[in-house]
Amino acid sequence: MNKLIKVCRISTDEDTRKAIIGIIDLLEKQNFAIVDNLNASKEFSSCLPPIYREKEIIFISETLRQKNKVKKKIITVKPEYCIEKSGDFTFRVKLRDSSES
């Protein structure tokens, strides 16, 4: 599980790249991110190795606001794990130390 994960393609546009950087930053700090840029969440999830979704280590869900019908994605990292950023678009998923809380 200590594999380096890159979640951005070369052909990705600049707005989506900035949103992906924001997603990784939020996941590293808070273990969750609420994303309204659907292109960024789609790019992030399509580049994520399937094992992380299958074991629900990184869980991606969708929400729908009733008032203005805006779709958002919620990306959550299981509490036992944390993300360690390695670059703008790369990170590792690691088990949390028992001393971290």
PDB file of N, CA and C in Angstrom:
ATOM      1  N   MET A   1       0.809  -1.203   0.000  1.00  0.00           N
ATOM      2  CA  MET A   1       0.000   0.000   0.000  1.00  0.00           C
ATOM      3  C   MET A   1       0.850   1.263   0.000  1.00  0.00           C
ATOM      4  N   ASN A   2       2.130   1.111   0.003  1.00  0.00           N
ATOM      5  CA  ASN A   2       3.007   2.278   0.075  1.00  0.00           C
ATOM      6  C   ASN A   2       3.453   2.716  -1.315  1.00  0.00           C
ATOM      7  N   LYS A   3       2.635   2.423  -2.311  1.00  0.00           N
ATOM      8  CA  LYS A   3       2.937   2.746  -3.695  1.00  0.00           C
ATOM      9  C   LYS A   3       2.710   4.238  -3.961  1.00  0.00           C
ATOM     10  N   LEU A   4       3.567   4.828  -4.784  1.00  0.00           N
ATOM     11  CA  LEU A   4       3.405   6.220  -5.183  1.00  0.00           C
ATOM     12  C   LEU A   4       2.290   6.291  -6.231  1.00  0.00           C
ATOM     13  N   ILE A   5       1.290   7.119  -5.985  1.00  0.00           N
ATOM     14  CA  ILE A   5       0.121   7.227  -6.855  1.00  0.00           C
ATOM     15  C   ILE A   5       0.135   8.582  -7.532  1.00  0.00           C
ATOM     16  N   LYS A   6       0.024   8.586  -8.859  1.00  0.00           N
ATOM     17  CA  LYS A   6      -0.062   9.834  -9.628  1.00  0.00           C
ATOM     18  C   LYS A   6      -1.480   9.954 -10.171  1.00  0.00           C
ATOM     19  N   VAL A   7      -2.155  11.052  -9.870  1.00  0.00           N
ATOM     20  CA  VAL A   7      -3.575  11.194 -10.199  1.00  0.00           C
ATOM     21  C   VAL A   7      -3.855  12.303 -11.204  1.00  0.00           C
ATOM     22  N   CYS A   8      -2.960  12.500 -12.143  1.00  0.00           N
ATOM     23  CA  CYS A   8      -3.171  13.520 -13.167  1.00  0.00           C
ATOM     24  C   CYS A   8      -2.490  13.085 -14.456  1.00  0.00           C
ATOM     25  N   ARG A   9      -3.181  13.276 -15.561  1.00  0.00           N
ATOM     26  CA  ARG A   9      -2.604  12.952 -16.863  1.00  0.00           C
ATOM     27  C   ARG A   9      -1.966  14.200 -17.473  1.00  0.00           C
ATOM     28  N   ILE A  10      -1.121  13.999 -18.448  1.00  0.00           N
ATOM     29  CA  ILE A  10      -0.449  15.112 -19.129  1.00  0.00           C
ATOM     30  C   ILE A  10      -1.455  16.008 -19.839  1.00  0.00           C
ATOM     31  N   SER A  11      -2.508  15.427 -20.387  1.00  0.00           N
ATOM     32  CA  SER A  11      -3.477  16.180 -21.180  1.00  0.00           C
ATOM     33  C   SER A  11      -4.516  16.929 -20.333  1.00  0.00           C
ATOM     34  N   THR A  12      -4.419  16.883 -19.032  1.00  0.00           N
ATOM     35  CA  THR A  12      -5.401  17.523 -18.153  1.00  0.00           C
ATOM     36  C   THR A  12      -5.280  19.042 -18.229  1.00  0.00           C
ATOM     37  N   ASP A  13      -6.444  19.730 -18.306  1.00  0.00           N
ATOM     38  CA  ASP A  13      -6.427  21.193 -18.405  1.00  0.00           C
ATOM     39  C   ASP A  13      -6.037  21.838 -17.066  1.00  0.00           C
ATOM     40  N   GLU A  14      -5.682  23.106 -17.108  1.00  0.00           N
ATOM     41  CA  GLU A  14      -5.111  23.821 -15.957  1.00  0.00           C
ATOM     42  C   GLU A  14      -6.081  23.925 -14.778  1.00  0.00           C
ATOM     43  N   ASP A  15      -7.365  24.203 -15.027  1.00  0.00           N
ATOM     44  CA  ASP A  15      -8.340  24.308 -13.942  1.00  0.00           C
ATOM     45  C   ASP A  15      -8.490  22.982 -13.200  1.00  0.00           C
ATOM     46  N   THR A  16      -8.530  21.905 -13.950  1.00  0.00           N
ATOM     47  CA  THR A  16      -8.649  20.583 -13.345  1.00  0.00           C
ATOM     48  C   THR A  16      -7.394  20.246 -12.551  1.00  0.00           C
ATOM     49  N   ARG A  17      -6.224  20.630 -13.066  1.00  0.00           N
ATOM     50  CA  ARG A  17      -4.961  20.390 -12.346  1.00  0.00           C
ATOM     51  C   ARG A  17      -4.964  21.109 -10.995  1.00  0.00           C
ATOM     52  N   LYS A  18      -5.406  22.365 -10.975  1.00  0.00           N
ATOM     53  CA  LYS A  18      -5.459  23.126  -9.722  1.00  0.00           C
ATOM     54  C   LYS A  18      -6.430  22.484  -8.737  1.00  0.00           C
ATOM     55  N   ALA A  19      -7.565  22.002  -9.238  1.00  0.00           N
ATOM     56  CA  ALA A  19      -8.552  21.352  -8.372  1.00  0.00           C
ATOM     57  C   ALA A  19      -8.001  20.044  -7.794  1.00  0.00           C
ATOM     58  N   ILE A  20      -7.238  19.297  -8.585  1.00  0.00           N
ATOM     59  CA  ILE A  20      -6.642  18.045  -8.102  1.00  0.00           C
ATOM     60  C   ILE A  20      -5.614  18.333  -7.011  1.00  0.00           C
ATOM     61  N   ILE A  21      -4.824  19.372  -7.183  1.00  0.00           N
ATOM     62  CA  ILE A  21      -3.865  19.761  -6.140  1.00  0.00           C
ATOM     63  C   ILE A  21      -4.618  20.086  -4.849  1.00  0.00           C
ATOM     64  N   GLY A  22      -5.742  20.780  -4.977  1.00  0.00           N
ATOM     65  CA  GLY A  22      -6.573  21.105  -3.812  1.00  0.00           C
ATOM     66  C   GLY A  22      -7.138  19.859  -3.144  1.00  0.00           C
ATOM     67  N   ILE A  23      -7.550  18.885  -3.942  1.00  0.00           N
ATOM     68  CA  ILE A  23      -8.077  17.635  -3.393  1.00  0.00           C
ATOM     69  C   ILE A  23      -7.004  16.934  -2.564  1.00  0.00           C
ATOM     70  N   ILE A  24      -5.817  16.813  -3.133  1.00  0.00           N
ATOM     71  CA  ILE A  24      -4.722  16.125  -2.434  1.00  0.00           C
ATOM     72  C   ILE A  24      -4.360  16.863  -1.148  1.00  0.00           C
ATOM     73  N   ASP A  25      -4.315  18.195  -1.197  1.00  0.00           N
ATOM     74  CA  ASP A  25      -4.012  18.991   0.006  1.00  0.00           C
ATOM     75  C   ASP A  25      -5.044  18.740   1.108  1.00  0.00           C
ATOM     76  N   LEU A  26      -6.325  18.762   0.746  1.00  0.00           N
ATOM     77  CA  LEU A  26      -7.383  18.535   1.734  1.00  0.00           C
ATOM     78  C   LEU A  26      -7.342  17.117   2.293  1.00  0.00           C
ATOM     79  N   LEU A  27      -7.085  16.140   1.443  1.00  0.00           N
ATOM     80  CA  LEU A  27      -7.001  14.763   1.923  1.00  0.00           C
ATOM     81  C   LEU A  27      -5.828  14.585   2.875  1.00  0.00           C
ATOM     82  N   GLU A  28      -4.739  15.271   2.597  1.00  0.00           N
ATOM     83  CA  GLU A  28      -3.570  15.174   3.478  1.00  0.00           C
ATOM     84  C   GLU A  28      -3.856  15.821   4.836  1.00  0.00           C
ATOM     85  N   LYS A  29      -4.554  16.954   4.849  1.00  0.00           N
ATOM     86  CA  LYS A  29      -4.803  17.693   6.091  1.00  0.00           C
ATOM     87  C   LYS A  29      -6.002  17.161   6.873  1.00  0.00           C
ATOM     88  N   GLN A  30      -7.111  16.826   6.169  1.00  0.00           N
ATOM     89  CA  GLN A  30      -8.370  16.525   6.841  1.00  0.00           C
ATOM     90  C   GLN A  30      -8.866  15.098   6.663  1.00  0.00           C
ATOM     91  N   ASN A  31      -8.272  14.336   5.752  1.00  0.00           N
ATOM     92  CA  ASN A  31      -8.722  12.989   5.393  1.00  0.00           C
ATOM     93  C   ASN A  31     -10.051  12.978   4.634  1.00  0.00           C
ATOM     94  N   PHE A  32     -10.534  14.126   4.214  1.00  0.00           N
ATOM     95  CA  PHE A  32     -11.698  14.174   3.329  1.00  0.00           C
ATOM     96  C   PHE A  32     -11.665  15.454   2.507  1.00  0.00           C
ATOM     97  N   ALA A  33     -12.356  15.413   1.372  1.00  0.00           N
ATOM     98  CA  ALA A  33     -12.451  16.594   0.507  1.00  0.00           C
ATOM     99  C   ALA A  33     -13.828  16.603  -0.135  1.00  0.00           C
ATOM    100  N   ILE A  34     -14.433  17.783  -0.193  1.00  0.00           N
ATOM    101  CA  ILE A  34     -15.701  17.967  -0.898  1.00  0.00           C
ATOM    102  C   ILE A  34     -15.369  18.708  -2.182  1.00  0.00           C
ATOM    103  N   VAL A  35     -15.697  18.091  -3.313  1.00  0.00           N
ATOM    104  CA  VAL A  35     -15.251  18.584  -4.611  1.00  0.00           C
ATOM    105  C   VAL A  35     -16.452  18.961  -5.463  1.00  0.00           C
ATOM    106  N   ASP A  36     -16.441  20.195  -5.995  1.00  0.00           N
ATOM    107  CA  ASP A  36     -17.508  20.593  -6.909  1.00  0.00           C
ATOM    108  C   ASP A  36     -17.047  20.583  -8.365  1.00  0.00           C
ATOM    109  N   ASN A  37     -15.753  20.401  -8.605  1.00  0.00           N
ATOM    110  CA  ASN A  37     -15.226  20.270  -9.969  1.00  0.00           C
ATOM    111  C   ASN A  37     -15.304  18.796 -10.356  1.00  0.00           C
ATOM    112  N   LEU A  38     -16.343  18.435 -11.091  1.00  0.00           N
ATOM    113  CA  LEU A  38     -16.572  17.031 -11.420  1.00  0.00           C
ATOM    114  C   LEU A  38     -15.492  16.453 -12.324  1.00  0.00           C
ATOM    115  N   ASN A  39     -14.873  17.286 -13.169  1.00  0.00           N
ATOM    116  CA  ASN A  39     -13.769  16.803 -13.999  1.00  0.00           C
ATOM    117  C   ASN A  39     -12.580  16.388 -13.128  1.00  0.00           C
ATOM    118  N   ALA A  40     -12.299  17.159 -12.099  1.00  0.00           N
ATOM    119  CA  ALA A  40     -11.186  16.845 -11.205  1.00  0.00           C
ATOM    120  C   ALA A  40     -11.450  15.559 -10.424  1.00  0.00           C
ATOM    121  N   SER A  41     -12.665  15.397  -9.926  1.00  0.00           N
ATOM    122  CA  SER A  41     -12.975  14.176  -9.175  1.00  0.00           C
ATOM    123  C   SER A  41     -12.969  12.951 -10.084  1.00  0.00           C
ATOM    124  N   LYS A  42     -13.400  13.121 -11.325  1.00  0.00           N
ATOM    125  CA  LYS A  42     -13.381  12.012 -12.284  1.00  0.00           C
ATOM    126  C   LYS A  42     -11.938  11.622 -12.625  1.00  0.00           C
ATOM    127  N   GLU A  43     -11.098  12.621 -12.859  1.00  0.00           N
ATOM    128  CA  GLU A  43      -9.677  12.374 -13.149  1.00  0.00           C
ATOM    129  C   GLU A  43      -9.002  11.703 -11.953  1.00  0.00           C
ATOM    130  N   PHE A  44      -9.264  12.212 -10.756  1.00  0.00           N
ATOM    131  CA  PHE A  44      -8.681  11.659  -9.539  1.00  0.00           C
ATOM    132  C   PHE A  44      -9.072  10.192  -9.378  1.00  0.00           C
ATOM    133  N   SER A  45     -10.352   9.899  -9.494  1.00  0.00           N
ATOM    134  CA  SER A  45     -10.812   8.527  -9.267  1.00  0.00           C
ATOM    135  C   SER A  45     -10.391   7.571 -10.381  1.00  0.00           C
ATOM    136  N   SER A  46     -10.286   8.055 -11.618  1.00  0.00           N
ATOM    137  CA  SER A  46      -9.890   7.163 -12.707  1.00  0.00           C
ATOM    138  C   SER A  46      -8.408   6.796 -12.641  1.00  0.00           C
ATOM    139  N   CYS A  47      -7.586   7.648 -12.046  1.00  0.00           N
ATOM    140  CA  CYS A  47      -6.151   7.366 -11.907  1.00  0.00           C
ATOM    141  C   CYS A  47      -5.822   6.608 -10.623  1.00  0.00           C
ATOM    142  N   LEU A  48      -6.786   6.481  -9.747  1.00  0.00           N
ATOM    143  CA  LEU A  48      -6.580   5.799  -8.471  1.00  0.00           C
ATOM    144  C   LEU A  48      -6.567   4.285  -8.704  1.00  0.00           C
ATOM    145  N   PRO A  49      -5.577   3.565  -8.178  1.00  0.00           N
ATOM    146  CA  PRO A  49      -5.559   2.103  -8.340  1.00  0.00           C
ATOM    147  C   PRO A  49      -6.833   1.486  -7.756  1.00  0.00           C
ATOM    148  N   PRO A  50      -7.419   0.517  -8.440  1.00  0.00           N
ATOM    149  CA  PRO A  50      -8.701  -0.071  -8.010  1.00  0.00           C
ATOM    150  C   PRO A  50      -8.698  -0.651  -6.594  1.00  0.00           C
ATOM    151  N   ILE A  51      -7.577  -1.125  -6.128  1.00  0.00           N
ATOM    152  CA  ILE A  51      -7.510  -1.740  -4.787  1.00  0.00           C
ATOM    153  C   ILE A  51      -7.945  -0.764  -3.693  1.00  0.00           C
ATOM    154  N   TYR A  52      -7.660   0.520  -3.866  1.00  0.00           N
ATOM    155  CA  TYR A  52      -8.030   1.512  -2.858  1.00  0.00           C
ATOM    156  C   TYR A  52      -9.541   1.733  -2.812  1.00  0.00           C
ATOM    157  N   ARG A  53     -10.192   1.641  -3.951  1.00  0.00           N
ATOM    158  CA  ARG A  53     -11.654   1.771  -3.980  1.00  0.00           C
ATOM    159  C   ARG A  53     -12.313   0.472  -3.523  1.00  0.00           C
ATOM    160  N   GLU A  54     -11.784  -0.675  -3.951  1.00  0.00           N
ATOM    161  CA  GLU A  54     -12.374  -1.967  -3.602  1.00  0.00           C
ATOM    162  C   GLU A  54     -12.354  -2.207  -2.100  1.00  0.00           C
ATOM    163  N   LYS A  55     -11.254  -1.863  -1.453  1.00  0.00           N
ATOM    164  CA  LYS A  55     -11.135  -2.051  -0.003  1.00  0.00           C
ATOM    165  C   LYS A  55     -11.658  -0.846   0.769  1.00  0.00           C
ATOM    166  N   GLU A  56     -12.197   0.130   0.044  1.00  0.00           N
ATOM    167  CA  GLU A  56     -12.756   1.358   0.612  1.00  0.00           C
ATOM    168  C   GLU A  56     -11.763   2.090   1.513  1.00  0.00           C
ATOM    169  N   ILE A  57     -10.494   2.068   1.120  1.00  0.00           N
ATOM    170  CA  ILE A  57      -9.485   2.862   1.809  1.00  0.00           C
ATOM    171  C   ILE A  57      -9.677   4.323   1.423  1.00  0.00           C
ATOM    172  N   ILE A  58      -9.948   4.534   0.141  1.00  0.00           N
ATOM    173  CA  ILE A  58     -10.362   5.855  -0.351  1.00  0.00           C
ATOM    174  C   ILE A  58     -11.758   5.669  -0.918  1.00  0.00           C
ATOM    175  N   PHE A  59     -12.715   6.340  -0.313  1.00  0.00           N
ATOM    176  CA  PHE A  59     -14.121   6.161  -0.656  1.00  0.00           C
ATOM    177  C   PHE A  59     -14.624   7.419  -1.358  1.00  0.00           C
ATOM    178  N   ILE A  60     -15.263   7.244  -2.510  1.00  0.00           N
ATOM    179  CA  ILE A  60     -15.784   8.381  -3.272  1.00  0.00           C
ATOM    180  C   ILE A  60     -17.297   8.242  -3.372  1.00  0.00           C
ATOM    181  N   SER A  61     -18.000   9.262  -2.897  1.00  0.00           N
ATOM    182  CA  SER A  61     -19.457   9.248  -2.962  1.00  0.00           C
ATOM    183  C   SER A  61     -19.950  10.537  -3.604  1.00  0.00           C
ATOM    184  N   GLU A  62     -21.200  10.523  -3.991  1.00  0.00           N
ATOM    185  CA  GLU A  62     -21.783  11.683  -4.677  1.00  0.00           C
ATOM    186  C   GLU A  62     -22.956  12.207  -3.870  1.00  0.00           C
ATOM    187  N   THR A  63     -23.108  13.508  -3.882  1.00  0.00           N
ATOM    188  CA  THR A  63     -24.223  14.134  -3.190  1.00  0.00           C
ATOM    189  C   THR A  63     -24.958  15.043  -4.174  1.00  0.00           C
ATOM    190  N   LEU A  64     -26.172  15.405  -3.829  1.00  0.00           N
ATOM    191  CA  LEU A  64     -26.967  16.287  -4.673  1.00  0.00           C
ATOM    192  C   LEU A  64     -27.697  17.262  -3.767  1.00  0.00           C
ATOM    193  N   ARG A  65     -27.434  18.528  -3.967  1.00  0.00           N
ATOM    194  CA  ARG A  65     -28.125  19.563  -3.197  1.00  0.00           C
ATOM    195  C   ARG A  65     -29.513  19.739  -3.772  1.00  0.00           C
ATOM    196  N   GLN A  66     -30.483  19.787  -2.903  1.00  0.00           N
ATOM    197  CA  GLN A  66     -31.863  19.921  -3.353  1.00  0.00           C
ATOM    198  C   GLN A  66     -32.199  21.316  -3.868  1.00  0.00           C
ATOM    199  N   LYS A  67     -31.623  22.344  -3.252  1.00  0.00           N
ATOM    200  CA  LYS A  67     -32.012  23.709  -3.587  1.00  0.00           C
ATOM    201  C   LYS A  67     -31.626  24.097  -5.019  1.00  0.00           C
ATOM    202  N   ASN A  68     -30.353  23.951  -5.373  1.00  0.00           N
ATOM    203  CA  ASN A  68     -29.941  24.371  -6.715  1.00  0.00           C
ATOM    204  C   ASN A  68     -29.403  23.221  -7.565  1.00  0.00           C
ATOM    205  N   LYS A  69     -29.603  21.986  -7.117  1.00  0.00           N
ATOM    206  CA  LYS A  69     -29.266  20.781  -7.883  1.00  0.00           C
ATOM    207  C   LYS A  69     -27.796  20.718  -8.305  1.00  0.00           C
ATOM    208  N   VAL A  70     -26.882  21.110  -7.416  1.00  0.00           N
ATOM    209  CA  VAL A  70     -25.456  21.072  -7.711  1.00  0.00           C
ATOM    210  C   VAL A  70     -24.880  19.760  -7.193  1.00  0.00           C
ATOM    211  N   LYS A  71     -24.278  18.993  -8.093  1.00  0.00           N
ATOM    212  CA  LYS A  71     -23.654  17.734  -7.689  1.00  0.00           C
ATOM    213  C   LYS A  71     -22.273  18.008  -7.131  1.00  0.00           C
ATOM    214  N   LYS A  72     -21.928  17.280  -6.079  1.00  0.00           N
ATOM    215  CA  LYS A  72     -20.595  17.355  -5.496  1.00  0.00           C
ATOM    216  C   LYS A  72     -20.134  15.947  -5.184  1.00  0.00           C
ATOM    217  N   LYS A  73     -18.836  15.771  -5.169  1.00  0.00           N
ATOM    218  CA  LYS A  73     -18.240  14.486  -4.804  1.00  0.00           C
ATOM    219  C   LYS A  73     -17.583  14.645  -3.441  1.00  0.00           C
ATOM    220  N   ILE A  74     -17.697  13.617  -2.629  1.00  0.00           N
ATOM    221  CA  ILE A  74     -17.042  13.586  -1.331  1.00  0.00           C
ATOM    222  C   ILE A  74     -16.017  12.461  -1.382  1.00  0.00           C
ATOM    223  N   ILE A  75     -14.757  12.813  -1.181  1.00  0.00           N
ATOM    224  CA  ILE A  75     -13.673  11.836  -1.198  1.00  0.00           C
ATOM    225  C   ILE A  75     -13.172  11.715   0.234  1.00  0.00           C
ATOM    226  N   THR A  76     -13.193  10.493   0.746  1.00  0.00           N
ATOM    227  CA  THR A  76     -12.840  10.250   2.134  1.00  0.00           C
ATOM    228  C   THR A  76     -11.764   9.177   2.221  1.00  0.00           C
ATOM    229  N   VAL A  77     -10.815   9.366   3.123  1.00  0.00           N
ATOM    230  CA  VAL A  77      -9.789   8.362   3.402  1.00  0.00           C
ATOM    231  C   VAL A  77     -10.158   7.699   4.723  1.00  0.00           C
ATOM    232  N   LYS A  78     -10.108   6.373   4.755  1.00  0.00           N
ATOM    233  CA  LYS A  78     -10.409   5.630   5.971  1.00  0.00           C
ATOM    234  C   LYS A  78      -9.575   6.170   7.134  1.00  0.00           C
ATOM    235  N   PRO A  79     -10.158   6.281   8.324  1.00  0.00           N
ATOM    236  CA  PRO A  79      -9.445   6.881   9.456  1.00  0.00           C
ATOM    237  C   PRO A  79      -8.120   6.204   9.826  1.00  0.00           C
ATOM    238  N   GLU A  80      -7.985   4.910   9.547  1.00  0.00           N
ATOM    239  CA  GLU A  80      -6.743   4.201   9.880  1.00  0.00           C
ATOM    240  C   GLU A  80      -5.587   4.576   8.957  1.00  0.00           C
ATOM    241  N   TYR A  81      -5.903   5.257   7.852  1.00  0.00           N
ATOM    242  CA  TYR A  81      -4.902   5.601   6.848  1.00  0.00           C
ATOM    243  C   TYR A  81      -4.722   7.112   6.763  1.00  0.00           C
ATOM    244  N   CYS A  82      -3.610   7.515   6.184  1.00  0.00           N
ATOM    245  CA  CYS A  82      -3.373   8.927   5.915  1.00  0.00           C
ATOM    246  C   CYS A  82      -2.681   9.052   4.565  1.00  0.00           C
ATOM    247  N   ILE A  83      -2.732  10.237   4.009  1.00  0.00           N
ATOM    248  CA  ILE A  83      -2.093  10.507   2.723  1.00  0.00           C
ATOM    249  C   ILE A  83      -0.855  11.346   2.983  1.00  0.00           C
ATOM    250  N   GLU A  84       0.225  10.946   2.346  1.00  0.00           N
ATOM    251  CA  GLU A  84       1.480  11.693   2.430  1.00  0.00           C
ATOM    252  C   GLU A  84       1.795  12.215   1.039  1.00  0.00           C
ATOM    253  N   LYS A  85       1.725  13.518   0.879  1.00  0.00           N
ATOM    254  CA  LYS A  85       1.945  14.161  -0.419  1.00  0.00           C
ATOM    255  C   LYS A  85       3.415  14.051  -0.811  1.00  0.00           C
ATOM    256  N   SER A  86       3.664  13.672  -2.080  1.00  0.00           N
ATOM    257  CA  SER A  86       5.034  13.527  -2.581  1.00  0.00           C
ATOM    258  C   SER A  86       5.366  14.541  -3.666  1.00  0.00           C
ATOM    259  N   GLY A  87       4.374  15.202  -4.208  1.00  0.00           N
ATOM    260  CA  GLY A  87       4.532  16.182  -5.271  1.00  0.00           C
ATOM    261  C   GLY A  87       3.177  16.806  -5.525  1.00  0.00           C
ATOM    262  N   ASP A  88       3.072  17.621  -6.567  1.00  0.00           N
ATOM    263  CA  ASP A  88       1.775  18.256  -6.849  1.00  0.00           C
ATOM    264  C   ASP A  88       0.671  17.239  -7.112  1.00  0.00           C
ATOM    265  N   PHE A  89       0.975  16.194  -7.863  1.00  0.00           N
ATOM    266  CA  PHE A  89      -0.054  15.242  -8.262  1.00  0.00           C
ATOM    267  C   PHE A  89       0.215  13.826  -7.773  1.00  0.00           C
ATOM    268  N   THR A  90       1.162  13.658  -6.866  1.00  0.00           N
ATOM    269  CA  THR A  90       1.507  12.326  -6.383  1.00  0.00           C
ATOM    270  C   THR A  90       1.424  12.264  -4.865  1.00  0.00           C
ATOM    271  N   PHE A  91       1.049  11.081  -4.385  1.00  0.00           N
ATOM    272  CA  PHE A  91       0.944  10.860  -2.947  1.00  0.00           C
ATOM    273  C   PHE A  91       1.063   9.371  -2.640  1.00  0.00           C
ATOM    274  N   ARG A  92       1.247   9.070  -1.370  1.00  0.00           N
ATOM    275  CA  ARG A  92       1.262   7.699  -0.872  1.00  0.00           C
ATOM    276  C   ARG A  92       0.151   7.557   0.166  1.00  0.00           C
ATOM    277  N   VAL A  93      -0.439   6.379   0.222  1.00  0.00           N
ATOM    278  CA  VAL A  93      -1.408   6.069   1.263  1.00  0.00           C
ATOM    279  C   VAL A  93      -0.677   5.206   2.281  1.00  0.00           C
ATOM    280  N   LYS A  94      -0.670   5.666   3.530  1.00  0.00           N
ATOM    281  CA  LYS A  94       0.070   4.963   4.580  1.00  0.00           C
ATOM    282  C   LYS A  94      -0.837   4.707   5.770  1.00  0.00           C
ATOM    283  N   LEU A  95      -0.515   3.674   6.523  1.00  0.00           N
ATOM    284  CA  LEU A  95      -1.204   3.426   7.787  1.00  0.00           C
ATOM    285  C   LEU A  95      -0.785   4.497   8.779  1.00  0.00           C
ATOM    286  N   ARG A  96      -1.731   4.984   9.556  1.00  0.00           N
ATOM    287  CA  ARG A  96      -1.402   5.979  10.580  1.00  0.00           C
ATOM    288  C   ARG A  96      -0.621   5.311  11.706  1.00  0.00           C
ATOM    289  N   ASP A  97       0.290   6.065  12.286  1.00  0.00           N
ATOM    290  CA  ASP A  97       0.977   5.590  13.477  1.00  0.00           C
ATOM    291  C   ASP A  97      -0.022   5.565  14.621  1.00  0.00           C
ATOM    292  N   SER A  98       0.167   4.652  15.548  1.00  0.00           N
ATOM    293  CA  SER A  98      -0.753   4.580  16.685  1.00  0.00           C
ATOM    294  C   SER A  98      -0.616   5.811  17.584  1.00  0.00           C
ATOM    295  N   SER A  99       0.528   6.520  17.498  1.00  0.00           N
ATOM    296  CA  SER A  99       0.724   7.729  18.304  1.00  0.00           C
ATOM    297  C   SER A  99      -0.031   8.932  17.748  1.00  0.00           C
ATOM    298  N   GLU A 100      -0.405   8.891  16.433  1.00  0.00           N
ATOM    299  CA  GLU A 100      -1.156  10.001  15.810  1.00  0.00           C
ATOM    300  C   GLU A 100      -2.620   9.877  16.198  1.00  0.00           C
ATOM    301  N   SER A 101      -3.254  10.974  16.503  1.00  0.00           N
ATOM    302  CA  SER A 101      -4.692  10.943  16.790  1.00  0.00           C
ATOM    303  C   SER A 101      -5.352  12.211  16.364  1.00  0.00           C
TER     304      SER A 101
END
